Amino acid sequence: MRLDVIASIAIIALATATPGLAAGDTPYTGSWDCGVATFSFTKDTYDAGEGPMPIRKVEKEDGNYILSFDDNYQIGLSSVTKTSMQWLSMASGDTFDCKRLKP
């Protein structure tokens, strides 16, 4: 399957996600090697190397997450497991395959 088709499917799946994530339920929490940089998540912040940004809203559906930030910035996290996930920029369409770093 072509990468642009996969990205389109991910955008549709993430766009139809519903709110309702419990405060402590964040399987993406931790540090991830996403190829271009190390991305770090807490239950309240996201840091792509330029300093932590507060997460304003989290939407979840079937293991996919949309994280919303100030200025309508959003990222999608899909196929989140204990060792890997896919990161998607809603603004640019960039996607990265991420591997969890050991603590």
Protein backbone atom coordinates (compact mmCIF):
# COMPACT_ATOMS: atom_id res chain seq x y z
CA MET A 1 0.00 0.00 0.00
CA ARG A 2 1.29 3.47 -0.87
CA LEU A 3 2.41 5.77 1.96
CA ASP A 4 -0.01 8.52 0.92
CA VAL A 5 -2.91 6.06 1.09
CA ILE A 6 -1.83 4.89 4.56
CA ALA A 7 -1.53 8.52 5.73
CA SER A 8 -5.01 9.29 4.36
CA ILE A 9 -6.50 6.30 6.16
CA ALA A 10 -4.77 7.36 9.39
CA ILE A 11 -6.08 10.92 9.05
CA ILE A 12 -9.64 9.67 8.54
CA ALA A 13 -9.40 7.26 11.47
CA LEU A 14 -7.95 9.93 13.74
CA ALA A 15 -10.42 12.58 12.61
CA THR A 16 -13.33 10.37 13.62
CA ALA A 17 -11.93 9.62 17.06
CA THR A 18 -14.11 10.36 20.04
CA PRO A 19 -13.14 12.18 23.26
CA GLY A 20 -12.94 10.40 26.57
CA LEU A 21 -9.43 9.43 27.56
CA ALA A 22 -8.98 8.90 31.29
CA ALA A 23 -6.33 11.11 32.89
CA GLY A 24 -3.86 8.32 33.72
CA ASP A 25 -4.40 6.25 30.58
CA THR A 26 -1.56 7.34 28.31
CA PRO A 27 0.23 4.40 26.65
CA TYR A 28 2.31 6.83 24.59
CA THR A 29 3.91 8.36 27.71
CA GLY A 30 7.69 8.15 27.55
CA SER A 31 10.48 8.91 25.07
CA TRP A 32 10.39 7.75 21.47
CA ASP A 33 13.00 7.62 18.71
CA CYS A 34 11.06 8.85 15.69
CA GLY A 35 14.01 8.97 13.32
CA VAL A 36 14.16 12.75 12.98
CA ALA A 37 14.29 13.44 16.72
CA THR A 38 13.43 12.05 20.12
CA PHE A 39 9.82 12.88 20.99
CA SER A 40 8.86 12.82 24.68
CA PHE A 41 5.37 12.61 26.14
CA THR A 42 4.00 12.94 29.64
CA LYS A 43 0.28 12.72 30.35
CA ASP A 44 0.19 16.54 30.12
CA THR A 45 2.98 17.57 27.70
CA TYR A 46 4.65 16.80 24.37
CA ASP A 47 8.27 17.74 23.57
CA ALA A 48 9.81 17.32 20.11
CA GLY A 49 13.08 18.88 21.25
CA GLU A 50 12.01 22.52 21.35
CA GLY A 51 10.60 22.49 24.88
CA PRO A 52 7.44 20.93 26.30
CA MET A 53 4.06 21.99 24.94
CA PRO A 54 0.95 21.50 27.09
CA ILE A 55 -1.48 18.96 25.68
CA ARG A 56 -4.88 20.72 25.66
CA LYS A 57 -7.05 17.80 24.56
CA VAL A 58 -6.70 14.06 23.91
CA GLU A 59 -9.15 12.10 21.78
CA LYS A 60 -8.96 8.31 21.56
CA GLU A 61 -10.45 5.57 19.44
CA ASP A 62 -9.23 2.01 18.98
CA GLY A 63 -5.61 2.69 19.97
CA ASN A 64 -5.39 5.90 17.92
CA TYR A 65 -4.98 9.30 19.57
CA ILE A 66 -5.32 12.91 18.49
CA LEU A 67 -3.39 15.33 20.70
CA SER A 68 -4.41 18.98 20.44
CA PHE A 69 -2.26 21.93 21.40
CA ASP A 70 -2.43 25.73 21.34
CA ASP A 71 -3.03 27.44 17.98
CA ASN A 72 -5.01 24.45 16.63
CA TYR A 73 -1.86 22.34 16.27
CA GLN A 74 -2.61 18.60 16.30
CA ILE A 75 -0.69 15.36 16.01
CA GLY A 76 -1.99 11.85 15.64
CA LEU A 77 -0.53 8.77 17.29
CA SER A 78 -1.62 5.44 15.88
CA SER A 79 -0.89 1.76 16.40
CA VAL A 80 0.52 2.58 19.85
CA THR A 81 2.07 -0.48 21.50
CA LYS A 82 4.60 -0.89 24.31
CA THR A 83 7.45 -0.68 21.78
CA SER A 84 6.27 1.27 18.73
CA MET A 85 3.81 3.78 17.33
CA GLN A 86 3.21 5.94 14.28
CA TRP A 87 3.32 9.74 14.60
CA LEU A 88 1.38 11.96 12.17
CA SER A 89 1.34 15.74 11.77
CA MET A 90 -2.17 16.89 10.95
CA ALA A 91 -0.69 20.14 9.54
CA SER A 92 2.00 18.80 7.20
CA GLY A 93 1.02 15.16 6.73
CA ASP A 94 4.49 14.05 7.85
CA THR A 95 4.55 10.56 9.35
CA PHE A 96 7.23 8.86 11.41
CA ASP A 97 7.58 5.32 12.69
CA CYS A 98 8.66 5.63 16.32
CA LYS A 99 10.34 3.16 18.66
CA ARG A 100 10.11 3.51 22.42
CA LEU A 101 13.39 4.29 24.14
CA LYS A 102 14.19 2.43 27.31
CA PRO A 103 13.85 4.58 30.43
